[in-house]
Amino acid sequence: MKKALLLLALTAASPALARDTVTKVKLADVMALPEAKEKLDGSVKFFLEGAKTPNVLKTLGSDTTNKKTNGVGKSDDYACKWAALSALIALQEGAKKNGANAVVHIVSYYKKVEGKSATEIECHAGSFVTGVALKGDYVTIAK
């Protein structure tokens, strides 16, 4: 019995079971989610690094988010979209607190490594948890 428990403990702790699948999700696909239309009120615009950005009138700070979601029973694509939406909601809240109407130069920031794309957000899907980390600048743009 002790050998079986030891074997189970070693197997569970094995790094071979750890999963970190990098998935890219399109910002447009995240914004098209029904939940995004409910949670993102349109008062804050989002622009990934490399995307065409309106003229910035004032920079009001920067921030990072690191949002996770339970990935069990969800496809990596769906879990990544959900985690990305959570990160965008956090940026929207931060923008409002700072008096900004946009977040620009948004980059993926998983484990503090910048990933730049004008259209996609990087996501990391594990066996149990899926996460998205974003970094961006709060700004005021002309309406």
Protein backbone atom coordinates (compact mmCIF):
# COMPACT_ATOMS: atom_id res chain seq x y z
CA MET A 1 0.00 0.00 0.00
CA LYS A 2 2.83 2.41 0.88
CA LYS A 3 4.51 1.69 -2.46
CA ALA A 4 1.29 2.46 -4.33
CA LEU A 5 0.88 5.77 -2.48
CA LEU A 6 4.52 6.67 -3.09
CA LEU A 7 4.18 5.86 -6.80
CA LEU A 8 0.99 7.93 -7.00
CA ALA A 9 2.66 10.89 -5.26
CA LEU A 10 5.69 10.75 -7.55
CA THR A 11 3.51 10.50 -10.64
CA ALA A 12 1.35 13.44 -9.58
CA ALA A 13 4.42 15.57 -8.90
CA SER A 14 6.05 14.65 -12.20
CA PRO A 15 6.79 17.63 -14.45
CA ALA A 16 5.89 15.43 -17.41
CA LEU A 17 2.24 15.92 -16.45
CA ALA A 18 2.56 19.70 -16.46
CA ARG A 19 1.15 21.33 -19.56
CA ASP A 20 1.76 24.83 -20.87
CA THR A 21 0.25 25.07 -24.32
CA VAL A 22 0.69 28.48 -25.94
CA THR A 23 -2.45 29.53 -27.78
CA LYS A 24 -3.13 32.76 -29.65
CA VAL A 25 -6.61 34.26 -29.67
CA LYS A 26 -7.70 37.13 -31.85
CA LEU A 27 -8.72 40.28 -30.01
CA ALA A 28 -11.68 40.58 -32.40
CA ASP A 29 -12.88 37.09 -31.40
CA VAL A 30 -12.69 37.97 -27.70
CA MET A 31 -14.58 41.22 -28.31
CA ALA A 32 -17.26 39.27 -30.21
CA LEU A 33 -18.09 37.05 -27.22
CA PRO A 34 -21.60 37.67 -25.87
CA GLU A 35 -20.03 38.12 -22.41
CA ALA A 36 -17.74 40.84 -23.80
CA LYS A 37 -20.73 42.78 -25.04
CA GLU A 38 -22.16 42.62 -21.52
CA LYS A 39 -18.99 43.35 -19.54
CA LEU A 40 -17.14 45.82 -21.78
CA ASP A 41 -19.27 48.96 -21.95
CA GLY A 42 -17.51 50.67 -24.87
CA SER A 43 -16.25 53.60 -22.81
CA VAL A 44 -12.68 52.26 -23.11
CA LYS A 45 -11.08 51.27 -26.43
CA PHE A 46 -8.33 48.64 -26.68
CA PHE A 47 -5.37 48.73 -29.08
CA LEU A 48 -2.75 46.00 -29.28
CA GLU A 49 0.87 46.96 -29.92
CA GLY A 50 1.33 47.38 -33.66
CA ALA A 51 -2.32 48.14 -34.35
CA LYS A 52 -3.25 51.54 -35.75
CA THR A 53 -3.87 53.77 -32.73
CA PRO A 54 -5.67 57.11 -32.69
CA ASN A 55 -3.74 60.20 -31.66
CA VAL A 56 -2.92 60.02 -27.94
CA LEU A 57 -3.76 63.26 -26.15
CA LYS A 58 -2.49 62.29 -22.70
CA THR A 59 -0.78 59.28 -21.10
CA LEU A 60 -2.14 58.48 -17.65
CA GLY A 61 -0.04 55.52 -16.57
CA SER A 62 0.38 51.85 -17.34
CA ASP A 63 -0.66 48.59 -15.77
CA THR A 64 -0.41 44.83 -16.03
CA THR A 65 -3.04 42.15 -15.54
CA ASN A 66 -2.61 38.46 -14.92
CA LYS A 67 -5.93 36.65 -15.16
CA LYS A 68 -6.56 32.94 -14.81
CA THR A 69 -9.54 30.72 -15.41
CA ASN A 70 -10.33 27.11 -14.66
CA GLY A 71 -9.53 25.18 -17.84
CA VAL A 72 -11.03 21.86 -16.76
CA GLY A 73 -13.67 20.70 -19.21
CA LYS A 74 -13.13 23.68 -21.53
CA SER A 75 -11.37 23.79 -24.87
CA ASP A 76 -8.11 25.75 -24.82
CA ASP A 77 -9.62 28.23 -27.28
CA TYR A 78 -12.68 28.95 -25.12
CA ALA A 79 -10.68 29.11 -21.86
CA CYS A 80 -8.18 31.48 -23.50
CA LYS A 81 -10.93 33.78 -24.75
CA TRP A 82 -12.46 33.82 -21.27
CA ALA A 83 -9.10 34.61 -19.60
CA ALA A 84 -8.39 37.31 -22.20
CA LEU A 85 -11.81 38.86 -21.56
CA SER A 86 -11.09 38.90 -17.82
CA ALA A 87 -7.79 40.70 -18.52
CA LEU A 88 -9.56 43.26 -20.73
CA ILE A 89 -12.19 43.85 -18.04
CA ALA A 90 -9.39 44.54 -15.53
CA LEU A 91 -7.77 47.00 -17.97
CA GLN A 92 -11.15 48.70 -18.53
CA GLU A 93 -11.59 49.14 -14.77
CA GLY A 94 -8.05 50.50 -14.41
CA ALA A 95 -8.56 52.89 -17.31
CA LYS A 96 -11.73 54.27 -15.74
CA LYS A 97 -10.02 54.74 -12.37
CA ASN A 98 -7.22 56.67 -14.11
CA GLY A 99 -9.54 58.83 -16.22
CA ALA A 100 -8.52 57.15 -19.49
CA ASN A 101 -10.72 56.28 -22.43
CA ALA A 102 -8.31 53.87 -24.09
CA VAL A 103 -5.59 51.34 -23.39
CA VAL A 104 -2.84 51.33 -26.03
CA HIS A 105 0.37 49.43 -26.70
CA ILE A 106 -1.18 46.30 -25.19
CA VAL A 107 1.24 43.39 -25.21
CA SER A 108 1.01 39.86 -23.88
CA TYR A 109 3.15 39.75 -20.74
CA TYR A 110 3.24 36.12 -19.62
CA LYS A 111 6.03 35.58 -17.06
CA LYS A 112 7.12 39.18 -17.80
CA VAL A 113 8.04 38.34 -21.40
CA GLU A 114 6.49 40.71 -23.92
CA GLY A 115 4.70 39.18 -26.89
CA LYS A 116 3.66 41.72 -29.51
CA SER A 117 0.94 41.27 -32.10
CA ALA A 118 -1.39 43.77 -33.72
CA THR A 119 -4.26 41.25 -33.73
CA GLU A 120 -3.65 38.41 -31.23
CA ILE A 121 -3.30 37.84 -27.51
CA GLU A 122 -1.05 35.09 -26.17
CA CYS A 123 -2.56 32.61 -23.75
CA HIS A 124 -1.07 29.73 -21.77
CA ALA A 125 -3.31 26.72 -21.20
CA GLY A 126 -2.35 24.24 -18.54
CA SER A 127 -3.91 20.99 -17.44
CA PHE A 128 -6.12 22.78 -14.92
CA VAL A 129 -5.58 26.54 -15.27
CA THR A 130 -5.50 28.85 -18.28
CA GLY A 131 -3.98 32.30 -18.06
CA VAL A 132 -3.52 35.58 -19.91
CA ALA A 133 -1.24 38.40 -18.79
CA LEU A 134 -1.45 41.78 -20.50
CA LYS A 135 0.43 45.06 -20.13
CA GLY A 136 -0.73 48.38 -21.58
CA ASP A 137 -0.80 52.15 -21.25
CA TYR A 138 -3.82 54.13 -20.05
CA VAL A 139 -4.40 57.12 -22.30
CA THR A 140 -6.89 59.69 -23.42
CA ILE A 141 -7.59 59.70 -27.16
CA ALA A 142 -9.73 62.06 -29.21
CA LYS A 143 -13.28 60.77 -29.49
